[in-house]
Amino acid sequence: MHTTTDARLNIHSPRPVARSRGDLRILDVRDDLSRVTRANGEIVGYVDRVDVAGDTAYRARRYVAAERRFVELPNVWDADDAVDTLRW
């Protein structure tokens, strides 16, 4: 597995790429979906690419383990910003 510190979603990556952004780890699950975890493997959430008004935006969904559900966060225009929304 290839590792880099660039947190941007690598939408056209031919194989999974693990990246880190601060204390979070990002792994591409599909071309348009990345899983965000802590270093210990705990799932923080997912970031996916969505089409908004003919442009590309990114949506973060935070996993709430106690409730076993995802909370959708507002769309943002940058993949790094979407990962950052999961940080807090």
C-alpha atoms as a PDB file:
ATOM      1  CA  MET A   1       0.000   0.000   0.000  1.00  0.00           C
ATOM      2  CA  HIS A   2       1.283   3.444  -0.962  1.00  0.00           C
ATOM      3  CA  THR A   3       1.449   6.079   1.820  1.00  0.00           C
ATOM      4  CA  THR A   4       1.600   9.859   1.514  1.00  0.00           C
ATOM      5  CA  THR A   5       0.829  12.865   3.708  1.00  0.00           C
ATOM      6  CA  ASP A   6      -1.414  14.604   1.144  1.00  0.00           C
ATOM      7  CA  ALA A   7      -4.984  14.521   2.478  1.00  0.00           C
ATOM      8  CA  ARG A   8      -6.744  15.328  -0.775  1.00  0.00           C
ATOM      9  CA  LEU A   9      -9.042  12.678  -2.172  1.00  0.00           C
ATOM     10  CA  ASN A  10      -7.148  10.997  -4.964  1.00  0.00           C
ATOM     11  CA  ILE A  11     -10.209  10.496  -7.146  1.00  0.00           C
ATOM     12  CA  HIS A  12      -8.357   8.823 -10.012  1.00  0.00           C
ATOM     13  CA  SER A  13      -6.045   6.579  -8.001  1.00  0.00           C
ATOM     14  CA  PRO A  14      -5.787   3.049  -9.471  1.00  0.00           C
ATOM     15  CA  ARG A  15      -5.169   1.529  -6.012  1.00  0.00           C
ATOM     16  CA  PRO A  16      -5.950   2.464  -2.407  1.00  0.00           C
ATOM     17  CA  VAL A  17      -3.755   5.231  -1.068  1.00  0.00           C
ATOM     18  CA  ALA A  18      -3.358   5.812   2.668  1.00  0.00           C
ATOM     19  CA  ARG A  19      -2.695   9.393   3.704  1.00  0.00           C
ATOM     20  CA  SER A  20      -2.619  11.312   6.957  1.00  0.00           C
ATOM     21  CA  ARG A  21      -3.827  14.743   7.961  1.00  0.00           C
ATOM     22  CA  GLY A  22      -2.857  15.630  11.505  1.00  0.00           C
ATOM     23  CA  ASP A  23      -3.902  12.724  13.721  1.00  0.00           C
ATOM     24  CA  LEU A  24      -6.296  11.307  11.108  1.00  0.00           C
ATOM     25  CA  ARG A  25      -5.630   8.616   8.501  1.00  0.00           C
ATOM     26  CA  ILE A  26      -7.427   8.612   5.147  1.00  0.00           C
ATOM     27  CA  LEU A  27      -7.892   5.516   2.990  1.00  0.00           C
ATOM     28  CA  ASP A  28      -9.591   5.568  -0.417  1.00  0.00           C
ATOM     29  CA  VAL A  29     -12.385   3.005  -0.460  1.00  0.00           C
ATOM     30  CA  ARG A  30     -13.613   3.856  -3.974  1.00  0.00           C
ATOM     31  CA  ASP A  31     -12.811   6.512  -6.542  1.00  0.00           C
ATOM     32  CA  ASP A  32     -15.263   8.889  -4.868  1.00  0.00           C
ATOM     33  CA  LEU A  33     -15.207   7.711  -1.218  1.00  0.00           C
ATOM     34  CA  SER A  34     -12.547   7.797   1.519  1.00  0.00           C
ATOM     35  CA  ARG A  35     -12.622   6.369   5.045  1.00  0.00           C
ATOM     36  CA  VAL A  36     -11.188   8.553   7.817  1.00  0.00           C
ATOM     37  CA  THR A  37      -9.819   6.842  10.941  1.00  0.00           C
ATOM     38  CA  ARG A  38      -7.692   7.630  13.962  1.00  0.00           C
ATOM     39  CA  ALA A  39      -4.221   6.096  14.165  1.00  0.00           C
ATOM     40  CA  ASN A  40      -5.619   3.271  16.335  1.00  0.00           C
ATOM     41  CA  GLY A  41      -8.065   2.269  13.573  1.00  0.00           C
ATOM     42  CA  GLU A  42     -11.206   3.817  15.107  1.00  0.00           C
ATOM     43  CA  ILE A  43     -13.506   5.015  12.310  1.00  0.00           C
ATOM     44  CA  VAL A  44     -14.148   8.757  12.483  1.00  0.00           C
ATOM     45  CA  GLY A  45     -16.240   8.954   9.323  1.00  0.00           C
ATOM     46  CA  TYR A  46     -16.270   9.065   5.551  1.00  0.00           C
ATOM     47  CA  VAL A  47     -15.723  11.752   2.933  1.00  0.00           C
ATOM     48  CA  ASP A  48     -17.310  11.413  -0.475  1.00  0.00           C
ATOM     49  CA  ARG A  49     -17.486  13.455  -3.637  1.00  0.00           C
ATOM     50  CA  VAL A  50     -20.884  14.890  -4.588  1.00  0.00           C
ATOM     51  CA  ASP A  51     -22.076  16.934  -7.551  1.00  0.00           C
ATOM     52  CA  VAL A  52     -23.551  20.298  -6.582  1.00  0.00           C
ATOM     53  CA  ALA A  53     -24.814  22.710  -9.226  1.00  0.00           C
ATOM     54  CA  GLY A  54     -22.579  21.156 -11.881  1.00  0.00           C
ATOM     55  CA  ASP A  55     -19.469  21.388  -9.709  1.00  0.00           C
ATOM     56  CA  THR A  56     -17.700  18.985  -7.339  1.00  0.00           C
ATOM     57  CA  ALA A  57     -18.166  19.334  -3.583  1.00  0.00           C
ATOM     58  CA  TYR A  58     -17.203  17.049  -0.717  1.00  0.00           C
ATOM     59  CA  ARG A  59     -19.452  15.695   2.023  1.00  0.00           C
ATOM     60  CA  ALA A  60     -18.203  14.405   5.363  1.00  0.00           C
ATOM     61  CA  ARG A  61     -20.247  11.966   7.432  1.00  0.00           C
ATOM     62  CA  ARG A  62     -19.165  11.581  11.064  1.00  0.00           C
ATOM     63  CA  TYR A  63     -19.658   8.173  12.685  1.00  0.00           C
ATOM     64  CA  VAL A  64     -21.300   8.323  16.119  1.00  0.00           C
ATOM     65  CA  ALA A  65     -20.347   4.961  17.657  1.00  0.00           C
ATOM     66  CA  ALA A  66     -22.624   5.275  20.704  1.00  0.00           C
ATOM     67  CA  GLU A  67     -25.634   5.630  18.401  1.00  0.00           C
ATOM     68  CA  ARG A  68     -24.332   3.436  15.547  1.00  0.00           C
ATOM     69  CA  ARG A  69     -25.151   6.054  12.936  1.00  0.00           C
ATOM     70  CA  PHE A  70     -23.626   8.686  10.691  1.00  0.00           C
ATOM     71  CA  VAL A  71     -24.240  12.416  10.947  1.00  0.00           C
ATOM     72  CA  GLU A  72     -23.974  14.254   7.652  1.00  0.00           C
ATOM     73  CA  LEU A  73     -21.997  17.491   7.833  1.00  0.00           C
ATOM     74  CA  PRO A  74     -22.391  20.447   5.431  1.00  0.00           C
ATOM     75  CA  ASN A  75     -20.863  20.150   1.962  1.00  0.00           C
ATOM     76  CA  VAL A  76     -17.582  21.966   1.359  1.00  0.00           C
ATOM     77  CA  TRP A  77     -15.685  22.724  -1.844  1.00  0.00           C
ATOM     78  CA  ASP A  78     -12.338  21.223  -0.826  1.00  0.00           C
ATOM     79  CA  ALA A  79     -11.522  17.618   0.191  1.00  0.00           C
ATOM     80  CA  ASP A  80      -9.061  18.824   2.862  1.00  0.00           C
ATOM     81  CA  ASP A  81     -11.787  20.965   4.440  1.00  0.00           C
ATOM     82  CA  ALA A  82     -14.131  17.976   4.499  1.00  0.00           C
ATOM     83  CA  VAL A  83     -11.529  15.915   6.392  1.00  0.00           C
ATOM     84  CA  ASP A  84     -10.961  18.813   8.770  1.00  0.00           C
ATOM     85  CA  THR A  85     -14.683  18.937   9.641  1.00  0.00           C
ATOM     86  CA  LEU A  86     -14.302  15.408  11.048  1.00  0.00           C
ATOM     87  CA  ARG A  87     -11.413  16.481  13.260  1.00  0.00           C
ATOM     88  CA  TRP A  88     -13.595  18.424  15.747  1.00  0.00           C
END
